[in-house]
């Protein structure tokens, strides 16, 4: 009799792997250890829960623990923290958080899906009351409760205190968001929509570093239109106050706040793997091969704790996004059930909504990164109508496209438009070009859909491809 397939971590990668393995081999015993009480939840929805667009945390759960146990036949053990792995003996040791006796569980195959944790920057005062991160369901619950308390309390009842006070009869109070990435900007919207005067602090000279400069500028301009105070090129030096945070001190001065949200990125949880002798890659995440297997036989890693191969360069990258986790977890499940399956490469494709603007990016846009990978990058940015000019709606889509000068190969793209005008969905054509190693000359001949309510005859992606191909010719 074979030993179980054991999974450490009960979110996207872990539960995708467990479910797929059990579906493909119903006789396989599958055991999942999860430290928390929540499994298979959509962490990407947490800013919208804090904002109030999503009314309950339970709405973010795809499959409940009971459904995994009763309907899918998975031995899911929530409230259990795996504290050690013995690769030689092929066992893991898990400790119940309720104080029970440790469990030593044997395995034939093991998946590490330990995820990532929010980065807390090295500045004084991050341990003060009123300083939050957003990396878990419990974080989301705490932030939602804070917003509710603040709106009830209305501690700053001064309608003229700041521009964001237009959202409510009384301004709730000034707050800070440290970091201009996905979580930071989504939370800036969530807080502003609840009446807070929001300050966004970004150390670099632009927001959304992985996007094009044109996209970053468009998003920053729109934030300012929505009365969010954007502080670019600003170093946060300290969070001051007594027990609770009272101000953000930067290299440009002091700004009073009553709450701080740290949105400075995530790092992979790798301590368990390192202690077991499992190699990390150059990105700091767990190194894996094409099948998501580590250097230790029969031990796999997937999701936000693991590296993946980049679609354009083939080099290891760390891209902690939901689709990657689900896709690679599913591949591991198929592999351990008897059908070896590669996880597939990642292009770093991502999207974000900020108030009434949507943006997307994929591939390589940074010229230094492209040059280091052996390319000679050329970039063009165009503006084009989102719909036929005579159609009584529509807006502008800004497309930035990068290709290799010598071969014409498409390397990456970034798009931004008003919300609903298609920047995100149009990015999928560029993703397809990256996957097929298409040239910009190929891309300009893509047969993309057209009808006046949806598009112009020449889609903005085709316009960008034509302009860039003309430069290369």
Protein backbone atom coordinates (compact mmCIF):
# COMPACT_ATOMS: atom_id res chain seq x y z
CA UNK A 1 0.00 0.00 0.00
CA UNK A 2 1.37 3.39 -0.98
CA UNK A 3 1.75 6.27 1.44
CA UNK A 4 -0.40 9.43 1.03
CA UNK A 5 0.18 12.48 -1.07
CA UNK A 6 0.79 15.17 1.57
CA UNK A 7 0.26 18.88 0.96
CA UNK A 8 1.52 21.67 3.21
CA UNK A 9 -0.69 24.72 2.73
CA UNK A 10 -4.40 24.89 1.98
CA UNK A 11 -4.83 27.76 -0.44
CA UNK A 12 -4.63 28.02 -4.23
CA UNK A 13 -1.69 25.76 -5.14
CA UNK A 14 -2.25 23.29 -2.30
CA UNK A 15 -5.95 22.70 -2.76
CA UNK A 16 -5.70 22.68 -6.58
CA UNK A 17 -3.09 19.92 -6.29
CA UNK A 18 -5.05 17.96 -3.70
CA UNK A 19 -8.30 18.17 -5.66
CA UNK A 20 -6.74 17.24 -9.00
CA UNK A 21 -4.80 14.30 -7.53
CA UNK A 22 -7.92 12.93 -5.84
CA UNK A 23 -10.02 13.43 -8.96
CA UNK A 24 -7.52 11.62 -11.20
CA UNK A 25 -6.84 8.83 -8.68
CA UNK A 26 -9.82 8.38 -6.32
CA UNK A 27 -7.98 5.63 -4.44
CA UNK A 28 -5.09 7.93 -3.56
CA UNK A 29 -5.07 9.15 0.05
CA UNK A 30 -4.54 12.90 0.13
CA UNK A 31 -3.66 14.71 3.36
CA UNK A 32 -3.52 18.51 3.60
CA UNK A 33 -2.12 20.43 6.59
CA UNK A 34 -3.19 24.06 6.91
CA UNK A 35 -2.13 26.26 9.82
CA UNK A 36 -5.14 28.59 9.63
CA UNK A 37 -8.88 28.07 9.55
CA UNK A 38 -9.41 29.32 5.98
CA UNK A 39 -8.67 27.33 2.82
CA UNK A 40 -9.14 27.90 -0.90
CA UNK A 41 -9.93 31.60 -0.61
CA UNK A 42 -9.49 34.53 -2.96
CA UNK A 43 -6.99 36.81 -1.24
CA UNK A 44 -7.10 39.09 -4.30
CA UNK A 45 -10.63 40.04 -3.26
CA UNK A 46 -9.62 41.36 0.16
CA UNK A 47 -9.31 45.05 -0.87
CA UNK A 48 -12.86 44.91 -2.23
CA UNK A 49 -14.04 43.35 1.02
CA UNK A 50 -12.40 46.16 2.98
CA UNK A 51 -13.97 48.68 0.61
CA UNK A 52 -17.41 47.17 1.21
CA UNK A 53 -18.18 45.92 -2.30
CA UNK A 54 -17.98 42.35 -0.97
CA UNK A 55 -20.05 41.93 2.14
CA UNK A 56 -18.62 38.83 3.80
CA UNK A 57 -15.31 37.00 4.06
CA UNK A 58 -17.15 33.76 3.33
CA UNK A 59 -17.92 35.09 -0.16
CA UNK A 60 -14.18 34.87 -0.92
CA UNK A 61 -14.06 31.14 -0.18
CA UNK A 62 -14.21 28.95 -3.28
CA UNK A 63 -14.63 25.60 -1.50
CA UNK A 64 -15.27 25.15 2.23
CA UNK A 65 -13.26 22.76 4.43
CA UNK A 66 -16.39 20.64 4.84
CA UNK A 67 -16.79 20.31 1.07
CA UNK A 68 -13.17 19.21 0.69
CA UNK A 69 -13.60 16.58 3.39
CA UNK A 70 -17.09 15.30 2.67
CA UNK A 71 -17.48 15.74 -1.08
CA UNK A 72 -13.92 15.40 -2.36
CA UNK A 73 -12.61 12.88 0.15
CA UNK A 74 -9.55 14.92 1.13
CA UNK A 75 -8.14 14.55 4.64
CA UNK A 76 -7.92 18.27 5.37
CA UNK A 77 -6.48 19.15 8.77
CA UNK A 78 -6.89 22.85 9.51
CA UNK A 79 -5.27 24.30 12.60
CA UNK A 80 -2.14 22.18 12.05
CA UNK A 81 1.28 23.73 11.49
CA UNK A 82 3.94 21.61 9.78
CA UNK A 83 7.14 22.29 11.70
CA UNK A 84 9.59 19.79 10.17
CA UNK A 85 10.22 17.66 7.09
CA UNK A 86 12.35 14.52 7.09
CA UNK A 87 13.19 13.85 3.41
CA UNK A 88 15.13 10.66 4.23
CA UNK A 89 12.32 9.13 6.23
CA UNK A 90 9.70 10.78 3.98
CA UNK A 91 7.68 12.20 6.88
CA UNK A 92 6.41 15.57 8.02
CA UNK A 93 5.74 16.60 11.61
CA UNK A 94 2.67 18.74 12.27
CA UNK A 95 1.67 20.40 15.52
CA UNK A 96 -2.03 21.04 16.28
CA UNK A 97 -2.53 24.65 17.31
CA UNK A 98 -4.97 23.54 20.01
CA UNK A 99 -2.11 22.03 21.98
CA UNK A 100 -2.59 18.38 21.05
CA UNK A 101 0.18 15.86 20.43
CA UNK A 102 2.36 16.35 17.33
CA UNK A 103 1.53 14.22 14.30
CA UNK A 104 4.20 12.43 12.27
CA UNK A 105 2.78 11.80 8.79
CA UNK A 106 4.51 9.71 6.14
CA UNK A 107 4.26 10.46 2.43
CA UNK A 108 5.10 9.13 -1.00
CA UNK A 109 4.90 12.60 -2.56
CA UNK A 110 5.00 15.95 -0.79
CA UNK A 111 3.93 19.38 -2.03
CA UNK A 112 5.09 22.57 -0.33
CA UNK A 113 2.49 25.26 -0.94
CA UNK A 114 3.45 27.50 1.96
CA UNK A 115 2.68 30.73 0.13
CA UNK A 116 4.11 34.17 0.83
CA UNK A 117 4.01 36.71 3.63
CA UNK A 118 3.72 40.47 3.56
CA UNK A 119 7.02 42.34 3.67
CA UNK A 120 7.36 44.68 6.63
CA UNK A 121 9.88 47.38 5.67
CA UNK A 122 12.85 48.14 7.91
CA UNK A 123 11.55 51.39 9.36
CA UNK A 124 10.93 52.28 12.97
CA UNK A 125 7.39 52.10 14.29
CA UNK A 126 5.87 49.31 12.21
CA UNK A 127 4.89 47.53 15.41
CA UNK A 128 2.64 50.38 16.57
CA UNK A 129 -1.10 50.01 16.90
CA UNK A 130 -2.85 51.11 13.74
CA UNK A 131 -0.22 49.69 11.35
CA UNK A 132 -1.63 46.96 9.10
CA UNK A 133 -0.66 44.60 6.30
CA UNK A 134 -3.02 42.76 3.97
CA UNK A 135 -1.85 39.22 3.38
CA UNK A 136 -4.49 36.99 4.95
CA UNK A 137 -8.18 36.68 5.68
CA UNK A 138 -7.59 37.75 9.27
CA UNK A 139 -5.79 40.87 8.01
CA UNK A 140 -8.80 41.68 5.85
CA UNK A 141 -11.15 41.18 8.79
CA UNK A 142 -9.11 43.52 10.99
CA UNK A 143 -9.01 46.23 8.31
CA UNK A 144 -12.74 45.99 7.65
CA UNK A 145 -13.39 46.34 11.38
CA UNK A 146 -11.05 49.34 11.53
CA UNK A 147 -12.91 51.05 8.68
CA UNK A 148 -16.25 50.41 10.40
CA UNK A 149 -14.99 51.81 13.72
CA UNK A 150 -13.49 54.87 12.09
CA UNK A 151 -16.62 55.69 10.14
CA UNK A 152 -18.73 55.36 13.26
CA UNK A 153 -16.34 57.38 15.38
CA UNK A 154 -15.63 60.08 12.75
CA UNK A 155 -12.70 61.22 14.83
CA UNK A 156 -11.90 63.99 12.36
CA UNK A 157 -15.21 65.77 11.84
CA UNK A 158 -13.82 68.53 9.68
CA UNK A 159 -15.41 68.64 6.21
CA UNK A 160 -12.60 70.84 4.93
CA UNK A 161 -9.76 68.76 6.37
CA UNK A 162 -8.79 67.18 3.05
CA UNK A 163 -9.98 66.66 -0.52
CA UNK A 164 -11.16 63.09 0.05
CA UNK A 165 -13.82 64.40 2.42
CA UNK A 166 -16.14 64.74 -0.57
CA UNK A 167 -16.85 61.01 -0.23
CA UNK A 168 -18.72 61.41 3.07
CA UNK A 169 -20.48 64.21 4.91
CA UNK A 170 -17.61 64.18 7.42
CA UNK A 171 -14.05 63.19 6.62
CA UNK A 172 -13.09 60.06 8.55
CA UNK A 173 -9.42 60.87 8.98
CA UNK A 174 -6.02 60.91 7.28
CA UNK A 175 -4.34 57.58 6.58
CA UNK A 176 -1.21 56.41 4.79
CA UNK A 177 -0.52 53.67 2.28
CA UNK A 178 3.18 52.79 1.99
CA UNK A 179 3.88 51.21 -1.39
CA UNK A 180 2.58 51.88 -4.89
CA UNK A 181 2.00 48.32 -6.10
CA UNK A 182 -1.15 46.25 -6.52
CA UNK A 183 -2.23 46.01 -2.89
CA UNK A 184 -1.26 49.59 -2.08
CA UNK A 185 -3.28 51.13 -4.89
CA UNK A 186 -6.30 48.86 -4.47
CA UNK A 187 -6.34 49.73 -0.78
CA UNK A 188 -5.95 53.44 -1.57
CA UNK A 189 -9.19 53.19 -3.53
CA UNK A 190 -10.88 51.16 -0.78
CA UNK A 191 -9.98 53.68 1.91
CA UNK A 192 -10.77 56.79 -0.13
CA UNK A 193 -14.18 55.39 -1.03
CA UNK A 194 -14.85 55.11 2.71
CA UNK A 195 -14.09 58.77 3.30
CA UNK A 196 -10.47 58.68 4.36
CA UNK A 197 -7.95 61.26 3.28
CA UNK A 198 -5.40 58.93 1.68
CA UNK A 199 -1.68 59.53 1.28
CA UNK A 200 0.24 57.09 -0.94
CA UNK A 201 4.01 56.99 -0.39
CA UNK A 202 6.22 55.47 -3.07
CA UNK A 203 9.98 55.31 -2.67
CA UNK A 204 10.62 55.23 -6.42
CA UNK A 205 9.74 57.90 -8.95
CA UNK A 206 6.63 56.11 -10.25
CA UNK A 207 3.86 53.72 -9.27
CA UNK A 208 3.42 50.17 -10.60
CA UNK A 209 7.07 49.56 -11.44
CA UNK A 210 6.40 46.49 -13.57
CA UNK A 211 4.18 48.45 -15.95
CA UNK A 212 5.20 50.98 -18.59
CA UNK A 213 5.94 54.59 -17.66
CA UNK A 214 2.88 55.69 -19.65
CA UNK A 215 0.67 53.35 -17.62
CA UNK A 216 2.22 54.46 -14.32
CA UNK A 217 1.69 58.13 -15.18
CA UNK A 218 -1.92 57.55 -16.21
CA UNK A 219 -2.69 55.75 -12.94
CA UNK A 220 -0.95 58.43 -10.83
CA UNK A 221 -2.84 61.21 -12.62
CA UNK A 222 -6.14 59.43 -12.05
CA UNK A 223 -5.39 58.94 -8.35
CA UNK A 224 -4.85 62.67 -8.05
CA UNK A 225 -8.13 63.30 -9.88
CA UNK A 226 -9.76 61.16 -7.19
CA UNK A 227 -8.09 63.37 -4.55
CA UNK A 228 -5.60 60.76 -3.36
CA UNK A 229 -2.36 62.46 -2.31
CA UNK A 230 0.48 60.75 -4.20
CA UNK A 231 4.01 61.20 -2.80
CA UNK A 232 6.54 59.91 -5.35
CA UNK A 233 10.27 59.64 -4.72
CA UNK A 234 9.56 59.75 -1.01
CA UNK A 235 11.37 57.68 1.62
CA UNK A 236 9.32 56.78 4.70
CA UNK A 237 11.77 57.00 7.61
CA UNK A 238 9.61 56.36 10.66
CA UNK A 239 6.08 55.80 11.92
CA UNK A 240 5.79 57.88 15.07
CA UNK A 241 3.39 58.00 17.99
CA UNK A 242 2.98 56.64 21.48
CA UNK A 243 1.33 53.22 21.47
CA UNK A 244 -0.62 53.98 18.29
CA UNK A 245 0.70 55.46 15.06
CA UNK A 246 0.18 59.22 14.81
CA UNK A 247 2.34 60.34 11.89
CA UNK A 248 4.47 59.28 8.96
CA UNK A 249 7.91 60.87 8.91
CA UNK A 250 9.53 61.03 5.47
CA UNK A 251 12.61 62.64 3.96
CA UNK A 252 10.29 65.52 3.03
CA UNK A 253 8.64 66.06 6.40
CA UNK A 254 5.90 64.79 8.72
CA UNK A 255 2.28 63.97 7.87
CA UNK A 256 -0.26 63.22 10.59
CA UNK A 257 -2.20 59.98 10.10
CA UNK A 258 -4.30 57.67 12.23
CA UNK A 259 -3.61 54.46 10.31
CA UNK A 260 -0.90 53.03 8.03
CA UNK A 261 -1.29 50.22 5.50
CA UNK A 262 2.00 48.60 4.48
CA UNK A 263 1.80 47.45 0.87
CA UNK A 264 5.48 46.94 0.16
CA UNK A 265 5.29 43.51 -1.43
CA UNK A 266 5.55 39.89 -0.33
CA UNK A 267 8.30 37.35 0.22
CA UNK A 268 8.09 33.54 -0.16
CA UNK A 269 7.74 31.43 2.97
CA UNK A 270 10.78 29.17 2.67
CA UNK A 271 11.98 28.45 6.22
CA UNK A 272 10.44 24.97 6.30
CA UNK A 273 12.02 24.05 2.97
CA UNK A 274 15.43 25.43 3.90
CA UNK A 275 15.49 23.49 7.17
CA UNK A 276 14.87 20.29 5.18
CA UNK A 277 17.77 20.92 2.79
CA UNK A 278 15.58 21.99 -0.13
CA UNK A 279 17.35 24.42 -2.44
CA UNK A 280 16.27 27.99 -2.96
CA UNK A 281 16.79 29.69 -6.31
CA UNK A 282 18.42 32.99 -7.18
CA UNK A 283 15.14 34.82 -6.55
CA UNK A 284 14.98 33.61 -2.95
CA UNK A 285 11.99 31.34 -3.64
CA UNK A 286 12.11 27.53 -3.76
CA UNK A 287 13.88 26.27 -6.90
CA UNK A 288 11.94 23.78 -9.02
CA UNK A 289 12.19 22.05 -12.38
CA UNK A 290 9.62 22.07 -15.18
CA UNK A 291 7.44 19.65 -13.20
CA UNK A 292 7.60 21.82 -10.04
CA UNK A 293 9.85 19.23 -8.38
CA UNK A 294 12.59 20.42 -6.02
CA UNK A 295 16.13 19.07 -5.67
CA UNK A 296 14.74 16.52 -3.20
CA UNK A 297 13.05 13.63 -5.06
CA UNK A 298 9.26 13.42 -4.69
CA UNK A 299 9.10 16.85 -3.02
CA UNK A 300 7.37 19.54 -5.05
CA UNK A 301 6.79 23.27 -4.54
CA UNK A 302 4.17 25.46 -6.17
CA UNK A 303 2.46 28.80 -5.73
CA UNK A 304 3.74 31.88 -3.95
CA UNK A 305 6.66 30.04 -2.31
CA UNK A 306 8.23 28.80 -5.56
CA UNK A 307 10.06 30.00 -8.64
CA UNK A 308 8.87 29.50 -12.20
CA UNK A 309 10.42 29.85 -15.65
CA UNK A 310 9.80 33.08 -17.53
CA UNK A 311 8.03 32.73 -20.88
CA UNK A 312 10.34 35.16 -22.70
CA UNK A 313 13.75 34.38 -21.20
CA UNK A 314 13.36 30.89 -19.75
CA UNK A 315 15.11 32.14 -16.61
CA UNK A 316 13.78 31.54 -13.07
CA UNK A 317 11.50 34.31 -11.81
CA UNK A 318 9.34 34.88 -8.76
CA UNK A 319 5.80 35.84 -9.78
CA UNK A 320 3.40 35.33 -6.85
CA UNK A 321 0.05 35.52 -8.66
CA UNK A 322 -3.13 33.48 -8.35
CA UNK A 323 -3.25 31.85 -11.79
CA UNK A 324 0.34 30.62 -11.48
CA UNK A 325 -0.47 29.02 -8.12
CA UNK A 326 -3.62 27.31 -9.37
CA UNK A 327 -2.04 26.14 -12.62
CA UNK A 328 1.12 24.76 -11.05
CA UNK A 329 -0.80 23.13 -8.22
CA UNK A 330 -3.05 21.39 -10.71
CA UNK A 331 0.00 20.16 -12.65
CA UNK A 332 1.53 18.68 -9.50
CA UNK A 333 -1.75 16.92 -8.73
CA UNK A 334 -1.76 15.32 -12.17
CA UNK A 335 1.88 14.30 -11.80
CA UNK A 336 1.49 12.53 -8.46
CA UNK A 337 -1.66 10.81 -9.74
CA UNK A 338 0.38 9.21 -12.52
CA UNK A 339 0.41 11.66 -15.44
CA UNK A 340 3.63 13.72 -15.39
CA UNK A 341 2.63 17.29 -16.26
CA UNK A 342 4.77 20.39 -16.60
CA UNK A 343 3.69 23.49 -14.73
CA UNK A 344 4.33 25.79 -17.66
CA UNK A 345 6.10 29.13 -17.90
CA UNK A 346 4.84 32.50 -16.69
CA UNK A 347 4.94 35.86 -18.45
CA UNK A 348 4.24 37.96 -15.39
CA UNK A 349 0.80 38.85 -16.73
CA UNK A 350 -1.12 41.02 -14.28
CA UNK A 351 -4.00 43.48 -14.13
CA UNK A 352 -5.25 46.15 -11.75
CA UNK A 353 -8.27 48.43 -11.36
CA UNK A 354 -7.76 51.81 -9.68
CA UNK A 355 -11.02 53.76 -9.35
CA UNK A 356 -12.15 54.27 -12.98
CA UNK A 357 -8.93 53.12 -14.65
CA UNK A 358 -7.83 49.60 -15.59
CA UNK A 359 -4.32 48.51 -16.53
CA UNK A 360 -2.52 45.34 -17.55
CA UNK A 361 1.03 44.21 -18.25
CA UNK A 362 2.82 41.13 -19.53
CA UNK A 363 6.31 40.03 -20.52
CA UNK A 364 9.42 42.21 -20.32
CA UNK A 365 9.19 45.99 -20.63
CA UNK A 366 12.27 47.14 -18.75
CA UNK A 367 15.12 47.74 -21.19
CA UNK A 368 17.84 46.83 -18.71
CA UNK A 369 16.14 43.51 -17.98
CA UNK A 370 15.67 42.81 -21.69
CA UNK A 371 19.29 43.69 -22.48
CA UNK A 372 20.54 41.43 -19.69
CA UNK A 373 18.55 38.60 -21.27
CA UNK A 374 20.32 39.11 -24.61
CA UNK A 375 17.76 41.26 -26.44
CA UNK A 376 18.06 44.67 -28.07
CA UNK A 377 14.76 46.23 -26.94
CA UNK A 378 12.75 48.86 -28.79
CA UNK A 379 9.58 50.36 -27.31
CA UNK A 380 6.74 52.43 -28.73
CA UNK A 381 3.67 53.88 -26.99
CA UNK A 382 0.47 54.82 -28.83
CA UNK A 383 -2.99 56.13 -27.99
CA UNK A 384 -5.97 54.73 -29.89
CA UNK A 385 -9.75 54.78 -29.65
CA UNK A 386 -11.36 51.91 -27.76
CA UNK A 387 -14.45 51.89 -30.02
CA UNK A 388 -15.50 53.18 -33.42
CA UNK A 389 -15.28 56.97 -33.53
CA UNK A 390 -18.92 57.36 -34.52
CA UNK A 391 -20.15 55.11 -31.70
CA UNK A 392 -21.63 57.19 -28.85
CA UNK A 393 -19.37 55.77 -26.14
CA UNK A 394 -15.74 54.81 -25.72
CA UNK A 395 -12.43 56.25 -24.70
CA UNK A 396 -8.71 55.93 -25.26
CA UNK A 397 -6.47 52.91 -24.82
CA UNK A 398 -2.77 53.59 -24.31
CA UNK A 399 -0.60 50.68 -25.45
CA UNK A 400 3.13 50.31 -24.83
CA UNK A 401 4.77 47.53 -26.82
CA UNK A 402 8.36 46.29 -26.62
CA UNK A 403 10.12 44.07 -29.18
CA UNK A 404 13.63 42.89 -30.03
CA UNK A 405 15.28 45.05 -32.66
CA UNK A 406 17.10 42.21 -34.40
CA UNK A 407 14.39 39.57 -34.62
CA UNK A 408 11.20 41.58 -34.10
CA UNK A 409 10.14 39.16 -31.36
CA UNK A 410 7.50 40.61 -29.05
CA UNK A 411 8.94 40.96 -25.54
CA UNK A 412 6.16 42.61 -23.55
CA UNK A 413 3.32 45.06 -23.36
CA UNK A 414 1.51 47.42 -20.99
CA UNK A 415 -1.97 48.88 -21.49
CA UNK A 416 -4.17 51.38 -19.67
CA UNK A 417 -7.68 52.71 -20.30
CA UNK A 418 -10.78 53.86 -18.55
CA UNK A 419 -12.46 51.02 -16.67
CA UNK A 420 -14.51 48.97 -19.13
CA UNK A 421 -12.68 50.14 -22.24
CA UNK A 422 -10.68 46.95 -22.61
CA UNK A 423 -7.06 47.47 -21.59
CA UNK A 424 -7.04 44.22 -19.63
CA UNK A 425 -8.77 42.01 -22.20
CA UNK A 426 -6.69 43.45 -25.03
CA UNK A 427 -3.52 42.42 -23.21
CA UNK A 428 -4.43 38.78 -23.90
CA UNK A 429 -3.43 39.17 -27.55
CA UNK A 430 0.05 40.18 -26.44
CA UNK A 431 0.19 37.23 -24.03
CA UNK A 432 -0.59 34.95 -26.96
CA UNK A 433 2.23 36.52 -28.96
CA UNK A 434 4.66 35.91 -26.11
CA UNK A 435 3.62 32.28 -25.73
CA UNK A 436 4.08 31.66 -29.47
CA UNK A 437 7.35 33.64 -29.65
CA UNK A 438 5.63 35.74 -32.33
CA UNK A 439 7.23 38.78 -33.90
CA UNK A 440 5.70 42.22 -33.99
CA UNK A 441 5.18 41.59 -37.72
CA UNK A 442 3.08 38.54 -36.84
CA UNK A 443 1.15 40.47 -34.21
CA UNK A 444 0.10 43.25 -36.58
CA UNK A 445 -1.64 40.59 -38.72
CA UNK A 446 -3.63 39.02 -35.86
CA UNK A 447 -7.29 38.69 -36.80
CA UNK A 448 -8.81 40.42 -33.77
CA UNK A 449 -12.57 40.86 -33.39
CA UNK A 450 -14.25 44.08 -34.52
CA UNK A 451 -17.67 45.62 -34.03
CA UNK A 452 -18.34 49.31 -33.27
CA UNK A 453 -19.52 48.79 -29.66
CA UNK A 454 -16.35 46.87 -28.81
CA UNK A 455 -13.50 48.08 -30.93
CA UNK A 456 -12.17 50.03 -33.88
CA UNK A 457 -11.39 48.28 -37.16
CA UNK A 458 -7.76 48.38 -36.14
CA UNK A 459 -7.59 47.28 -32.52
CA UNK A 460 -5.23 49.42 -30.38
CA UNK A 461 -2.89 46.42 -30.03
CA UNK A 462 -2.71 46.17 -33.84
CA UNK A 463 -2.04 49.90 -34.08
CA UNK A 464 0.83 49.58 -31.60
CA UNK A 465 2.21 46.60 -33.54
CA UNK A 466 2.04 48.51 -36.83
CA UNK A 467 3.84 51.52 -35.39
CA UNK A 468 6.56 49.39 -33.80
CA UNK A 469 7.00 47.19 -36.87
CA UNK A 470 7.37 50.34 -38.97
CA UNK A 471 10.19 51.47 -36.69
CA UNK A 472 11.93 48.10 -36.96
CA UNK A 473 11.58 47.98 -40.74
